[in-house]
Amino acid sequence: MNGFALKIIALTAMIIDHTGKVLPDIFPFEILVIGRIAFPIYVFLIAEGFYHTKNPVRFLVRLFTFAIISESFFDMALNGAYFSFGADGINFFANTNIFYTLFLGGAAITCYEYVRRKCHFVESDIKITSALAAVTLMLGFAWLVGSAFTSDYGGYGVVFIFCMYLLRKFDLPKGFILTAMAVLSLWQYEWMFVYALTNGLAAVTNAMWLAIAVTLVPVPLAACYNGKRGPGWKWFFYWSYPAHLAVLAVVLVF
């Protein structure tokens, strides 16, 4: 399975999720759960993208540009904002769209690589302190900035991206990377596990278990990834995000 196929799966799951949120009377929760497939796939692909890119700054600019382009439509479609600015309007700094998360994750990766180069650290070097300092710094940066912008998946999402990149960067066995991907995917349900420990497994609803199961679907999909990009269509995938949100915003208004 190439990158193109993974992007199609993630895009389809995301559109179903967003459509269900805008039209809850039409789409039941079980359909919305399909959307849990999207984010881990995007995390996997963005980490791959930064691993292979020759120009991370250009990559970051592209992600940030689409974060700004998408925010108005995202706020109107999913946050109930009016086409105005203020308390009830569009806000570029709170409850922001997924491109913010991808951008911030990429920024953490880029900053880490800058620190790593400045410390002249390579994977075979003995300067472990330099590596640990860079990783700690970037994880802290990712969590803080991601939470400050309250972007989709927040600091958790940014840390997820950064960790997946590091695992890829250090060329660890694929089985280890996939296991880590599964653990990081489930991390978002920490509250659910705490709830189960506090109230017993019987208190966990079938919908909760379904959400957990679907969230793990991207792991076997990533296992099937063959490392090839597939058909380009780069701009299609970028523009499909603000485009589908714009359609949903219009549907919500009318």
Protein backbone atom coordinates (compact mmCIF):
# COMPACT_ATOMS: atom_id res chain seq x y z
CA MET A 1 0.00 0.00 0.00
CA ASN A 2 1.48 3.34 -1.05
CA GLY A 3 1.15 6.79 0.47
CA PHE A 4 -1.60 7.78 -1.95
CA ALA A 5 -3.85 4.93 -0.76
CA LEU A 6 -3.26 5.85 2.89
CA LYS A 7 -4.15 9.48 2.16
CA ILE A 8 -7.39 8.47 0.43
CA ILE A 9 -8.37 6.34 3.45
CA ALA A 10 -7.54 9.13 5.90
CA LEU A 11 -9.32 11.78 3.83
CA THR A 12 -12.46 9.66 3.48
CA ALA A 13 -12.56 8.91 7.22
CA MET A 14 -12.07 12.57 8.07
CA ILE A 15 -14.85 13.77 5.74
CA ILE A 16 -17.25 11.20 7.21
CA ASP A 17 -16.33 12.35 10.71
CA HIS A 18 -16.79 16.05 9.94
CA THR A 19 -20.03 15.47 8.04
CA GLY A 20 -21.40 13.50 10.96
CA LYS A 21 -20.54 16.29 13.37
CA VAL A 22 -22.28 18.89 11.21
CA LEU A 23 -25.32 16.65 10.59
CA PRO A 24 -25.68 14.61 13.81
CA ASP A 25 -29.34 13.84 13.15
CA ILE A 26 -28.41 11.99 9.97
CA PHE A 27 -25.21 10.21 10.99
CA PRO A 28 -25.22 8.01 14.13
CA PHE A 29 -22.23 7.84 16.49
CA GLU A 30 -21.12 4.50 15.04
CA ILE A 31 -20.48 6.23 11.73
CA LEU A 32 -18.60 9.07 13.40
CA VAL A 33 -16.21 6.56 14.96
CA ILE A 34 -14.80 5.92 11.48
CA GLY A 35 -13.16 9.32 11.78
CA ARG A 36 -10.80 7.92 14.43
CA ILE A 37 -8.90 6.28 11.57
CA ALA A 38 -7.76 9.57 10.06
CA PHE A 39 -5.41 11.21 12.55
CA PRO A 40 -2.96 8.32 13.21
CA ILE A 41 -2.58 7.91 9.44
CA TYR A 42 -1.88 11.61 8.99
CA VAL A 43 0.66 11.44 11.83
CA PHE A 44 2.39 8.50 10.19
CA LEU A 45 2.50 10.27 6.81
CA ILE A 46 3.65 13.64 8.15
CA ALA A 47 6.52 11.92 9.97
CA GLU A 48 7.43 10.15 6.72
CA GLY A 49 7.20 13.45 4.88
CA PHE A 50 9.62 15.23 7.20
CA TYR A 51 11.95 12.25 7.13
CA HIS A 52 12.22 12.41 3.34
CA THR A 53 11.86 16.13 2.60
CA LYS A 54 14.87 18.09 1.40
CA ASN A 55 13.28 21.41 2.33
CA PRO A 56 11.55 21.28 5.73
CA VAL A 57 11.07 25.06 5.81
CA ARG A 58 9.04 24.98 2.58
CA PHE A 59 7.05 22.07 4.00
CA LEU A 60 6.32 24.10 7.13
CA VAL A 61 5.27 27.16 5.13
CA ARG A 62 2.84 25.03 3.14
CA LEU A 63 1.31 23.53 6.28
CA PHE A 64 0.97 26.92 7.95
CA THR A 65 -0.55 28.48 4.84
CA PHE A 66 -3.29 25.87 4.72
CA ALA A 67 -3.82 26.18 8.45
CA ILE A 68 -4.69 29.86 7.91
CA ILE A 69 -6.74 29.20 4.77
CA SER A 70 -8.77 26.47 6.50
CA GLU A 71 -9.44 28.14 9.84
CA SER A 72 -12.41 30.29 8.81
CA PHE A 73 -14.23 27.32 7.29
CA PHE A 74 -13.24 25.07 10.20
CA ASP A 75 -14.65 27.50 12.76
CA MET A 76 -17.88 28.00 10.84
CA ALA A 77 -18.45 24.31 10.13
CA LEU A 78 -17.31 22.69 13.37
CA ASN A 79 -17.18 25.42 16.00
CA GLY A 80 -20.43 27.17 15.09
CA ALA A 81 -18.69 30.48 14.44
CA TYR A 82 -20.21 33.31 12.47
CA PHE A 83 -18.35 34.91 9.60
CA SER A 84 -16.93 37.59 11.85
CA PHE A 85 -14.15 38.00 14.38
CA GLY A 86 -14.62 38.10 18.12
CA ALA A 87 -16.18 36.00 20.85
CA ASP A 88 -18.66 34.29 18.51
CA GLY A 89 -16.63 34.56 15.35
CA ILE A 90 -13.53 33.17 13.71
CA ASN A 91 -10.53 32.75 15.99
CA PHE A 92 -7.09 31.91 14.62
CA PHE A 93 -5.65 31.16 18.07
CA ALA A 94 -8.20 28.90 19.79
CA ASN A 95 -9.84 25.60 18.80
CA THR A 96 -7.84 25.59 15.60
CA ASN A 97 -7.82 23.07 12.76
CA ILE A 98 -5.66 19.99 12.19
CA PHE A 99 -3.18 21.84 9.96
CA TYR A 100 -2.06 23.78 13.04
CA THR A 101 -1.28 20.48 14.73
CA LEU A 102 0.60 19.17 11.70
CA PHE A 103 2.51 22.46 11.41
CA LEU A 104 3.45 22.49 15.10
CA GLY A 105 4.55 18.88 14.93
CA GLY A 106 6.69 19.70 11.91
CA ALA A 107 8.09 22.76 13.69
CA ALA A 108 9.11 20.56 16.64
CA ILE A 109 10.88 18.20 14.23
CA THR A 110 12.66 21.05 12.44
CA CYS A 111 13.80 22.64 15.71
CA TYR A 112 15.06 19.29 16.94
CA GLU A 113 17.11 18.79 13.79
CA TYR A 114 18.55 22.30 14.16
CA VAL A 115 19.61 21.62 17.77
CA ARG A 116 20.97 18.23 16.79
CA ARG A 117 23.15 19.73 14.07
CA LYS A 118 24.34 22.53 16.35
CA CYS A 119 25.38 19.91 18.92
CA HIS A 120 27.08 17.93 16.15
CA PHE A 121 25.14 14.92 17.34
CA VAL A 122 24.78 11.82 15.18
CA GLU A 123 23.10 8.56 16.11
CA SER A 124 26.43 6.77 16.58
CA ASP A 125 27.94 9.55 18.70
CA ILE A 126 28.49 9.22 22.45
CA LYS A 127 26.98 12.64 23.16
CA ILE A 128 23.77 11.14 24.50
CA THR A 129 23.28 14.19 26.71
CA SER A 130 22.93 16.39 23.65
CA ALA A 131 20.31 14.08 22.18
CA LEU A 132 18.32 13.87 25.40
CA ALA A 133 18.45 17.65 25.81
CA ALA A 134 17.15 18.18 22.28
CA VAL A 135 14.38 15.61 22.65
CA THR A 136 13.30 17.00 26.02
CA LEU A 137 13.33 20.55 24.70
CA MET A 138 11.29 19.72 21.63
CA LEU A 139 8.75 17.58 23.47
CA GLY A 140 8.23 20.43 25.92
CA PHE A 141 7.92 22.92 23.08
CA ALA A 142 5.47 20.70 21.22
CA TRP A 143 3.21 20.16 24.21
CA LEU A 144 3.24 23.81 25.29
CA VAL A 145 2.60 25.35 21.89
CA GLY A 146 0.09 22.71 20.87
CA SER A 147 -1.88 23.29 24.04
CA ALA A 148 -1.65 27.08 23.76
CA PHE A 149 -3.32 27.03 20.36
CA THR A 150 -5.79 24.33 21.46
CA SER A 151 -5.49 22.84 17.99
CA ASP A 152 -7.16 19.59 16.99
CA TYR A 153 -5.61 16.89 19.24
CA GLY A 154 -3.64 19.63 21.02
CA GLY A 155 -0.24 18.95 22.53
CA TYR A 156 -0.89 15.21 22.39
CA GLY A 157 -1.07 15.38 18.60
CA VAL A 158 2.15 17.36 18.28
CA VAL A 159 4.03 14.97 20.56
CA PHE A 160 2.61 12.01 18.60
CA ILE A 161 4.03 13.45 15.36
CA PHE A 162 7.40 14.19 16.92
CA CYS A 163 7.74 10.72 18.45
CA MET A 164 6.82 8.97 15.21
CA TYR A 165 9.49 11.01 13.42
CA LEU A 166 12.14 10.08 15.98
CA LEU A 167 11.27 6.40 15.67
CA ARG A 168 11.63 6.69 11.89
CA LYS A 169 14.80 8.76 12.18
CA PHE A 170 16.57 6.19 14.34
CA ASP A 171 15.60 3.46 11.86
CA LEU A 172 14.13 1.16 14.50
CA PRO A 173 12.57 -2.19 13.55
CA LYS A 174 9.19 -1.82 11.89
CA GLY A 175 7.49 -3.97 14.52
CA PHE A 176 8.72 -1.64 17.25
CA ILE A 177 7.52 1.45 15.36
CA LEU A 178 4.06 -0.08 14.81
CA THR A 179 3.79 -1.06 18.47
CA ALA A 180 4.71 2.47 19.49
CA MET A 181 2.16 3.81 17.00
CA ALA A 182 -0.54 1.67 18.62
CA VAL A 183 0.40 2.86 22.12
CA LEU A 184 0.53 6.51 21.06
CA SER A 185 -2.79 6.16 19.23
CA LEU A 186 -4.41 4.84 22.41
CA TRP A 187 -2.83 7.54 24.56
CA GLN A 188 -5.71 9.87 23.72
CA TYR A 189 -8.02 7.47 25.58
CA GLU A 190 -6.09 7.68 28.84
CA TRP A 191 -9.19 9.17 30.47
CA MET A 192 -11.18 6.12 29.41
CA PHE A 193 -8.76 3.68 31.00
CA VAL A 194 -8.77 5.73 34.21
CA TYR A 195 -12.57 5.71 34.09
CA ALA A 196 -12.58 1.92 33.66
CA LEU A 197 -10.20 1.43 36.60
CA THR A 198 -12.32 3.71 38.76
CA ASN A 199 -15.77 2.46 37.80
CA GLY A 200 -15.10 -1.04 36.48
CA LEU A 201 -15.05 -2.42 32.96
CA ALA A 202 -18.84 -2.78 32.97
CA ALA A 203 -19.12 1.01 33.07
CA VAL A 204 -17.32 1.36 29.72
CA THR A 205 -19.91 1.59 26.96
CA ASN A 206 -19.81 -0.35 23.70
CA ALA A 207 -19.30 2.96 21.88
CA MET A 208 -16.11 3.56 23.88
CA TRP A 209 -14.74 0.12 23.06
CA LEU A 210 -15.64 0.66 19.41
CA ALA A 211 -13.73 3.95 19.36
CA ILE A 212 -10.64 2.24 20.77
CA ALA A 213 -10.84 -0.60 18.24
CA VAL A 214 -11.23 1.75 15.27
CA THR A 215 -8.35 3.94 16.48
CA LEU A 216 -6.05 0.92 16.10
CA VAL A 217 -7.08 0.27 12.47
CA PRO A 218 -4.31 2.57 11.10
CA VAL A 219 -1.62 0.34 12.63
CA PRO A 220 -2.12 -2.64 10.26
CA LEU A 221 -2.63 -0.15 7.43
CA ALA A 222 0.76 1.39 8.21
CA ALA A 223 2.22 -2.12 8.34
CA CYS A 224 1.16 -2.54 4.71
CA TYR A 225 2.88 0.71 3.65
CA ASN A 226 5.47 -0.03 0.97
CA GLY A 227 7.41 3.23 1.29
CA LYS A 228 6.27 4.53 -2.10
CA ARG A 229 4.45 7.81 -2.62
CA GLY A 230 2.13 6.67 -5.40
CA PRO A 231 0.36 9.17 -7.68
CA GLY A 232 1.21 12.77 -6.77
CA TRP A 233 -2.04 14.67 -6.30
CA LYS A 234 -0.31 16.69 -3.57
CA TRP A 235 -2.41 19.78 -4.04
CA PHE A 236 -5.63 17.80 -4.19
CA PHE A 237 -5.07 16.54 -0.66
CA TYR A 238 -4.12 19.98 0.60
CA TRP A 239 -7.10 21.77 -0.94
CA SER A 240 -9.58 19.02 -0.09
CA TYR A 241 -9.37 20.01 3.57
CA PRO A 242 -10.59 23.63 3.34
CA ALA A 243 -12.87 22.73 0.41
CA HIS A 244 -14.91 20.10 2.28
CA LEU A 245 -15.11 22.37 5.34
CA ALA A 246 -16.40 25.20 3.15
CA VAL A 247 -19.13 22.91 1.78
CA LEU A 248 -20.10 21.82 5.29
CA ALA A 249 -20.18 25.45 6.45
CA VAL A 250 -22.61 26.28 3.64
CA VAL A 251 -24.76 23.23 4.50
CA LEU A 252 -24.84 24.30 8.13
CA VAL A 253 -25.98 27.81 7.24
CA PHE A 254 -28.69 26.79 4.81
